[in-house]
């Protein structure tokens, strides 16, 4: 499998960490997001959305990060990470859809305001952050309630749902996500997700750097 990605982005980190978690061998083809290489016609022929990541497996081509996780889990036979039991799979699918439609857009506001804008020499807009706060707390509360009764999102072991839901908050400290009112969500992110070897291997730091030198471990 070839994965076309820039490891600094939310959905690319999701797929790269997810494939490592699943034990799926792949070749990474770098697509530089900040240079706009995802808009190049040679890439949009693979992914007409002009977004990363995308996957090629022989003659099969696939975009949408959560679909890539589902495909790789089935390809690797990882029924523990993506169970075939009808109700357990439906539960995971529910969270994958919710992440894409609701959780990612809310977390992304904090990423843009507190991480991307300063990198570009602009200031975060407090009005934008304030306008998003109620929606973020509503969604974080849903996750917090789930994690109050479950070690991981879908039970007592990690699944692709955990990787998907963690990705939008992967720079949570620098995004300044307001997690203080959501202790179960914070416990899951800092005590579970960030202890996973696959998450550690795909580390991204402030300024969207991949260089750990000078950074606290």
C-alpha atoms as a PDB file:
ATOM      1  CA  UNK A   1       0.000   0.000   0.000  1.00  0.00           C
ATOM      2  CA  UNK A   2       1.099   3.546  -0.751  1.00  0.00           C
ATOM      3  CA  UNK A   3      -0.124   6.377   1.450  1.00  0.00           C
ATOM      4  CA  UNK A   4       0.090   9.891   0.050  1.00  0.00           C
ATOM      5  CA  UNK A   5       0.353  12.150   3.070  1.00  0.00           C
ATOM      6  CA  UNK A   6       1.913  15.012   4.940  1.00  0.00           C
ATOM      7  CA  UNK A   7       2.396  13.752   8.515  1.00  0.00           C
ATOM      8  CA  UNK A   8       1.762  17.182  10.073  1.00  0.00           C
ATOM      9  CA  UNK A   9      -1.952  17.257   9.217  1.00  0.00           C
ATOM     10  CA  UNK A  10      -4.761  15.899  11.376  1.00  0.00           C
ATOM     11  CA  UNK A  11      -6.060  13.316   8.947  1.00  0.00           C
ATOM     12  CA  UNK A  12      -2.629  12.228   7.779  1.00  0.00           C
ATOM     13  CA  UNK A  13      -1.488  11.642  11.332  1.00  0.00           C
ATOM     14  CA  UNK A  14      -4.709   9.710  11.875  1.00  0.00           C
ATOM     15  CA  UNK A  15      -3.946   7.369   8.990  1.00  0.00           C
ATOM     16  CA  UNK A  16      -0.218   7.021   9.660  1.00  0.00           C
ATOM     17  CA  UNK A  17      -0.779   6.258  13.352  1.00  0.00           C
ATOM     18  CA  UNK A  18      -3.702   4.013  12.484  1.00  0.00           C
ATOM     19  CA  UNK A  19      -1.770   1.948   9.965  1.00  0.00           C
ATOM     20  CA  UNK A  20       1.077   1.505  12.442  1.00  0.00           C
ATOM     21  CA  UNK A  21      -1.442   0.516  15.132  1.00  0.00           C
ATOM     22  CA  UNK A  22      -2.934  -2.043  12.739  1.00  0.00           C
ATOM     23  CA  UNK A  23       0.466  -3.415  11.743  1.00  0.00           C
ATOM     24  CA  UNK A  24      -0.222  -2.590   8.104  1.00  0.00           C
ATOM     25  CA  UNK A  25       2.912  -2.227   5.963  1.00  0.00           C
ATOM     26  CA  UNK A  26       2.914   0.791   3.694  1.00  0.00           C
ATOM     27  CA  UNK A  27       5.079   3.192   1.760  1.00  0.00           C
ATOM     28  CA  UNK A  28       4.603   6.881   2.516  1.00  0.00           C
ATOM     29  CA  UNK A  29       4.685   9.232  -0.441  1.00  0.00           C
ATOM     30  CA  UNK A  30       5.200  12.766   0.834  1.00  0.00           C
ATOM     31  CA  UNK A  31       2.731  15.419  -0.285  1.00  0.00           C
ATOM     32  CA  UNK A  32       3.783  18.784   1.154  1.00  0.00           C
ATOM     33  CA  UNK A  33       0.656  20.468   2.473  1.00  0.00           C
ATOM     34  CA  UNK A  34       2.134  23.911   3.116  1.00  0.00           C
ATOM     35  CA  UNK A  35       3.622  23.966  -0.403  1.00  0.00           C
ATOM     36  CA  UNK A  36       0.203  23.156  -1.838  1.00  0.00           C
ATOM     37  CA  UNK A  37       1.277  19.900  -3.443  1.00  0.00           C
ATOM     38  CA  UNK A  38      -2.151  18.427  -2.638  1.00  0.00           C
ATOM     39  CA  UNK A  39      -3.564  20.800  -5.289  1.00  0.00           C
ATOM     40  CA  UNK A  40      -1.228  19.623  -8.030  1.00  0.00           C
ATOM     41  CA  UNK A  41      -3.034  17.886 -10.935  1.00  0.00           C
ATOM     42  CA  UNK A  42      -0.802  14.842 -10.533  1.00  0.00           C
ATOM     43  CA  UNK A  43      -2.241  14.408  -7.037  1.00  0.00           C
ATOM     44  CA  UNK A  44      -5.840  15.481  -7.677  1.00  0.00           C
ATOM     45  CA  UNK A  45      -6.007  12.723 -10.262  1.00  0.00           C
ATOM     46  CA  UNK A  46      -5.779  10.415  -7.239  1.00  0.00           C
ATOM     47  CA  UNK A  47      -7.855  12.516  -4.841  1.00  0.00           C
ATOM     48  CA  UNK A  48     -10.139  15.011  -6.606  1.00  0.00           C
ATOM     49  CA  UNK A  49     -10.879  16.678  -3.260  1.00  0.00           C
ATOM     50  CA  UNK A  50      -7.339  18.097  -3.250  1.00  0.00           C
ATOM     51  CA  UNK A  51      -6.895  16.933   0.341  1.00  0.00           C
ATOM     52  CA  UNK A  52      -4.604  14.500   2.084  1.00  0.00           C
ATOM     53  CA  UNK A  53      -4.277  11.609   2.696  1.00  0.00           C
ATOM     54  CA  UNK A  54      -5.049   9.139  -0.064  1.00  0.00           C
ATOM     55  CA  UNK A  55      -4.206   5.470  -0.477  1.00  0.00           C
ATOM     56  CA  UNK A  56      -3.258   3.319  -3.433  1.00  0.00           C
ATOM     57  CA  UNK A  57      -3.208  -0.463  -3.114  1.00  0.00           C
ATOM     58  CA  UNK A  58      -2.383  -1.932  -6.486  1.00  0.00           C
ATOM     59  CA  UNK A  59      -5.067  -0.662  -8.834  1.00  0.00           C
ATOM     60  CA  UNK A  60      -7.344   0.333  -5.946  1.00  0.00           C
ATOM     61  CA  UNK A  61      -7.424   3.978  -4.916  1.00  0.00           C
ATOM     62  CA  UNK A  62      -9.118   5.333  -1.789  1.00  0.00           C
ATOM     63  CA  UNK A  63      -9.537   8.685  -0.090  1.00  0.00           C
ATOM     64  CA  UNK A  64     -11.246   9.689   3.173  1.00  0.00           C
ATOM     65  CA  UNK A  65      -9.103   8.948   6.214  1.00  0.00           C
ATOM     66  CA  UNK A  66     -11.677   6.917   8.115  1.00  0.00           C
ATOM     67  CA  UNK A  67     -12.405   4.781   5.056  1.00  0.00           C
ATOM     68  CA  UNK A  68      -8.664   4.099   4.807  1.00  0.00           C
ATOM     69  CA  UNK A  69      -8.631   2.926   8.444  1.00  0.00           C
ATOM     70  CA  UNK A  70     -11.606   0.636   7.819  1.00  0.00           C
ATOM     71  CA  UNK A  71     -10.012  -0.810   4.695  1.00  0.00           C
ATOM     72  CA  UNK A  72      -6.651  -1.403   6.344  1.00  0.00           C
ATOM     73  CA  UNK A  73      -8.202  -3.019   9.423  1.00  0.00           C
ATOM     74  CA  UNK A  74     -10.122  -5.485   7.244  1.00  0.00           C
ATOM     75  CA  UNK A  75      -7.129  -6.089   4.987  1.00  0.00           C
ATOM     76  CA  UNK A  76      -4.967  -6.950   8.000  1.00  0.00           C
ATOM     77  CA  UNK A  77      -7.688  -9.060   9.624  1.00  0.00           C
ATOM     78  CA  UNK A  78      -7.625  -6.892  12.750  1.00  0.00           C
ATOM     79  CA  UNK A  79     -11.010  -7.886  14.121  1.00  0.00           C
ATOM     80  CA  UNK A  80      -9.970  -6.624  17.557  1.00  0.00           C
ATOM     81  CA  UNK A  81      -9.499  -3.103  16.161  1.00  0.00           C
ATOM     82  CA  UNK A  82     -12.543  -3.205  13.879  1.00  0.00           C
ATOM     83  CA  UNK A  83     -14.815  -6.043  15.038  1.00  0.00           C
ATOM     84  CA  UNK A  84     -17.038  -7.837  12.552  1.00  0.00           C
ATOM     85  CA  UNK A  85     -19.796  -8.293  15.119  1.00  0.00           C
ATOM     86  CA  UNK A  86     -22.687  -6.265  13.700  1.00  0.00           C
ATOM     87  CA  UNK A  87     -23.398  -4.090  16.728  1.00  0.00           C
ATOM     88  CA  UNK A  88     -19.784  -3.493  17.719  1.00  0.00           C
ATOM     89  CA  UNK A  89     -18.893  -2.504  14.162  1.00  0.00           C
ATOM     90  CA  UNK A  90     -21.918  -0.223  13.968  1.00  0.00           C
ATOM     91  CA  UNK A  91     -20.797   1.438  17.204  1.00  0.00           C
ATOM     92  CA  UNK A  92     -17.348   2.121  15.740  1.00  0.00           C
ATOM     93  CA  UNK A  93     -18.824   3.321  12.451  1.00  0.00           C
ATOM     94  CA  UNK A  94     -21.041   5.712  14.393  1.00  0.00           C
ATOM     95  CA  UNK A  95     -18.010   7.336  16.025  1.00  0.00           C
ATOM     96  CA  UNK A  96     -16.110   7.498  12.731  1.00  0.00           C
ATOM     97  CA  UNK A  97     -18.991   9.350  11.088  1.00  0.00           C
ATOM     98  CA  UNK A  98     -19.431  11.624  14.116  1.00  0.00           C
ATOM     99  CA  UNK A  99     -15.729  12.454  14.138  1.00  0.00           C
ATOM    100  CA  UNK A 100     -15.833  13.520  10.510  1.00  0.00           C
ATOM    101  CA  UNK A 101     -19.084  15.482  10.672  1.00  0.00           C
ATOM    102  CA  UNK A 102     -18.928  17.047  14.151  1.00  0.00           C
ATOM    103  CA  UNK A 103     -15.788  16.518  16.215  1.00  0.00           C
ATOM    104  CA  UNK A 104     -13.172  17.391  13.614  1.00  0.00           C
ATOM    105  CA  UNK A 105     -14.811  20.695  12.563  1.00  0.00           C
ATOM    106  CA  UNK A 106     -15.061  21.867  16.171  1.00  0.00           C
ATOM    107  CA  UNK A 107     -11.503  20.961  17.148  1.00  0.00           C
ATOM    108  CA  UNK A 108     -10.236  22.412  13.885  1.00  0.00           C
ATOM    109  CA  UNK A 109     -11.375  25.900  14.869  1.00  0.00           C
ATOM    110  CA  UNK A 110      -8.985  25.785  17.843  1.00  0.00           C
ATOM    111  CA  UNK A 111      -6.207  24.377  15.655  1.00  0.00           C
ATOM    112  CA  UNK A 112      -6.526  27.172  13.120  1.00  0.00           C
ATOM    113  CA  UNK A 113      -6.854  29.984  15.648  1.00  0.00           C
ATOM    114  CA  UNK A 114      -4.187  28.888  18.120  1.00  0.00           C
ATOM    115  CA  UNK A 115      -1.710  26.991  15.940  1.00  0.00           C
ATOM    116  CA  UNK A 116      -2.011  27.945  12.279  1.00  0.00           C
ATOM    117  CA  UNK A 117      -2.613  31.691  12.632  1.00  0.00           C
ATOM    118  CA  UNK A 118       0.393  32.323  14.935  1.00  0.00           C
ATOM    119  CA  UNK A 119       2.581  30.334  12.518  1.00  0.00           C
ATOM    120  CA  UNK A 120       1.475  32.707   9.751  1.00  0.00           C
ATOM    121  CA  UNK A 121       2.065  35.785  11.878  1.00  0.00           C
ATOM    122  CA  UNK A 122      -1.594  36.428  12.695  1.00  0.00           C
ATOM    123  CA  UNK A 123      -3.373  36.630  16.032  1.00  0.00           C
ATOM    124  CA  UNK A 124      -6.131  34.244  17.191  1.00  0.00           C
ATOM    125  CA  UNK A 125      -9.594  35.774  17.032  1.00  0.00           C
ATOM    126  CA  UNK A 126     -11.235  35.544  20.487  1.00  0.00           C
ATOM    127  CA  UNK A 127     -14.670  36.024  18.943  1.00  0.00           C
ATOM    128  CA  UNK A 128     -14.220  32.961  16.743  1.00  0.00           C
ATOM    129  CA  UNK A 129     -13.052  30.876  19.702  1.00  0.00           C
ATOM    130  CA  UNK A 130     -15.887  32.120  21.918  1.00  0.00           C
ATOM    131  CA  UNK A 131     -18.430  31.320  19.229  1.00  0.00           C
ATOM    132  CA  UNK A 132     -17.177  27.737  19.038  1.00  0.00           C
ATOM    133  CA  UNK A 133     -16.871  27.124  22.787  1.00  0.00           C
ATOM    134  CA  UNK A 134     -20.449  25.936  23.414  1.00  0.00           C
ATOM    135  CA  UNK A 135     -20.324  23.475  20.526  1.00  0.00           C
ATOM    136  CA  UNK A 136     -16.956  22.126  21.638  1.00  0.00           C
ATOM    137  CA  UNK A 137     -18.140  21.578  25.208  1.00  0.00           C
ATOM    138  CA  UNK A 138     -21.304  19.872  23.975  1.00  0.00           C
ATOM    139  CA  UNK A 139     -19.295  17.434  21.847  1.00  0.00           C
ATOM    140  CA  UNK A 140     -16.544  16.930  24.422  1.00  0.00           C
ATOM    141  CA  UNK A 141     -19.266  16.194  26.973  1.00  0.00           C
ATOM    142  CA  UNK A 142     -20.572  13.394  24.756  1.00  0.00           C
ATOM    143  CA  UNK A 143     -17.119  11.828  24.642  1.00  0.00           C
ATOM    144  CA  UNK A 144     -16.550  12.419  28.336  1.00  0.00           C
ATOM    145  CA  UNK A 145     -19.778  10.623  29.216  1.00  0.00           C
ATOM    146  CA  UNK A 146     -18.822   7.679  27.036  1.00  0.00           C
ATOM    147  CA  UNK A 147     -15.359   7.483  28.584  1.00  0.00           C
ATOM    148  CA  UNK A 148     -16.805   7.651  32.099  1.00  0.00           C
ATOM    149  CA  UNK A 149     -17.971   4.073  31.608  1.00  0.00           C
ATOM    150  CA  UNK A 150     -15.381   2.754  29.185  1.00  0.00           C
ATOM    151  CA  UNK A 151     -11.585   2.658  29.246  1.00  0.00           C
ATOM    152  CA  UNK A 152     -11.464   3.209  25.495  1.00  0.00           C
ATOM    153  CA  UNK A 153     -14.148   4.577  23.200  1.00  0.00           C
ATOM    154  CA  UNK A 154     -15.603   1.188  22.313  1.00  0.00           C
ATOM    155  CA  UNK A 155     -14.668  -1.049  25.197  1.00  0.00           C
ATOM    156  CA  UNK A 156     -11.639  -2.224  27.105  1.00  0.00           C
ATOM    157  CA  UNK A 157      -9.189  -2.082  24.206  1.00  0.00           C
ATOM    158  CA  UNK A 158      -8.305   0.449  21.509  1.00  0.00           C
ATOM    159  CA  UNK A 159      -9.977   0.381  18.108  1.00  0.00           C
ATOM    160  CA  UNK A 160      -9.759   2.520  15.012  1.00  0.00           C
ATOM    161  CA  UNK A 161     -12.416   4.736  16.612  1.00  0.00           C
ATOM    162  CA  UNK A 162      -9.884   5.840  19.232  1.00  0.00           C
ATOM    163  CA  UNK A 163      -7.323   6.792  16.595  1.00  0.00           C
ATOM    164  CA  UNK A 164      -9.927   8.692  14.592  1.00  0.00           C
ATOM    165  CA  UNK A 165     -11.283  10.649  17.551  1.00  0.00           C
ATOM    166  CA  UNK A 166      -7.842  11.498  18.921  1.00  0.00           C
ATOM    167  CA  UNK A 167      -6.532  12.938  15.666  1.00  0.00           C
ATOM    168  CA  UNK A 168      -8.472  16.251  15.675  1.00  0.00           C
ATOM    169  CA  UNK A 169      -7.110  17.000  19.162  1.00  0.00           C
ATOM    170  CA  UNK A 170      -3.575  15.778  18.492  1.00  0.00           C
ATOM    171  CA  UNK A 171      -2.084  19.187  19.397  1.00  0.00           C
ATOM    172  CA  UNK A 172      -4.554  19.744  22.231  1.00  0.00           C
ATOM    173  CA  UNK A 173      -2.124  21.656  24.459  1.00  0.00           C
ATOM    174  CA  UNK A 174      -1.150  24.059  21.683  1.00  0.00           C
ATOM    175  CA  UNK A 175      -4.692  24.163  20.308  1.00  0.00           C
ATOM    176  CA  UNK A 176      -5.699  25.247  23.821  1.00  0.00           C
ATOM    177  CA  UNK A 177      -8.617  22.853  23.841  1.00  0.00           C
ATOM    178  CA  UNK A 178     -10.622  23.514  27.031  1.00  0.00           C
ATOM    179  CA  UNK A 179     -10.445  20.013  28.499  1.00  0.00           C
ATOM    180  CA  UNK A 180     -10.557  20.895  32.206  1.00  0.00           C
ATOM    181  CA  UNK A 181     -14.313  20.264  32.403  1.00  0.00           C
ATOM    182  CA  UNK A 182     -13.952  16.880  30.703  1.00  0.00           C
ATOM    183  CA  UNK A 183     -11.697  14.762  32.945  1.00  0.00           C
ATOM    184  CA  UNK A 184     -12.508  11.425  31.328  1.00  0.00           C
ATOM    185  CA  UNK A 185     -11.694  12.762  27.880  1.00  0.00           C
ATOM    186  CA  UNK A 186      -8.442  14.240  29.164  1.00  0.00           C
ATOM    187  CA  UNK A 187      -7.576  10.940  30.919  1.00  0.00           C
ATOM    188  CA  UNK A 188      -8.164   9.003  27.708  1.00  0.00           C
ATOM    189  CA  UNK A 189      -6.075  11.387  25.600  1.00  0.00           C
ATOM    190  CA  UNK A 190      -3.114  11.825  27.937  1.00  0.00           C
ATOM    191  CA  UNK A 191      -3.183   8.465  29.713  1.00  0.00           C
ATOM    192  CA  UNK A 192      -4.223   6.145  26.888  1.00  0.00           C
ATOM    193  CA  UNK A 193      -3.748   7.614  23.426  1.00  0.00           C
ATOM    194  CA  UNK A 194      -0.474   9.395  24.077  1.00  0.00           C
ATOM    195  CA  UNK A 195       0.998   6.212  25.583  1.00  0.00           C
ATOM    196  CA  UNK A 196       0.352   4.209  22.401  1.00  0.00           C
ATOM    197  CA  UNK A 197       3.577   3.430  20.485  1.00  0.00           C
ATOM    198  CA  UNK A 198       1.882   4.198  17.174  1.00  0.00           C
ATOM    199  CA  UNK A 199       0.888   7.639  18.456  1.00  0.00           C
ATOM    200  CA  UNK A 200       4.375   8.344  19.750  1.00  0.00           C
ATOM    201  CA  UNK A 201       5.919   7.363  16.403  1.00  0.00           C
ATOM    202  CA  UNK A 202       3.781   9.948  14.626  1.00  0.00           C
ATOM    203  CA  UNK A 203       4.597  12.809  17.012  1.00  0.00           C
ATOM    204  CA  UNK A 204       3.870  16.339  15.816  1.00  0.00           C
ATOM    205  CA  UNK A 205       4.989  19.327  17.830  1.00  0.00           C
ATOM    206  CA  UNK A 206       4.177  23.049  18.056  1.00  0.00           C
ATOM    207  CA  UNK A 207       4.711  24.845  14.795  1.00  0.00           C
ATOM    208  CA  UNK A 208       3.833  21.567  13.053  1.00  0.00           C
ATOM    209  CA  UNK A 209       7.362  20.335  13.469  1.00  0.00           C
ATOM    210  CA  UNK A 210       8.403  16.690  13.358  1.00  0.00           C
ATOM    211  CA  UNK A 211      11.757  17.433  14.988  1.00  0.00           C
ATOM    212  CA  UNK A 212      11.721  16.573  18.681  1.00  0.00           C
ATOM    213  CA  UNK A 213      15.058  18.205  19.465  1.00  0.00           C
ATOM    214  CA  UNK A 214      14.573  20.832  22.124  1.00  0.00           C
ATOM    215  CA  UNK A 215      11.083  19.553  22.933  1.00  0.00           C
ATOM    216  CA  UNK A 216      10.056  18.000  26.220  1.00  0.00           C
ATOM    217  CA  UNK A 217       9.343  14.309  25.895  1.00  0.00           C
END
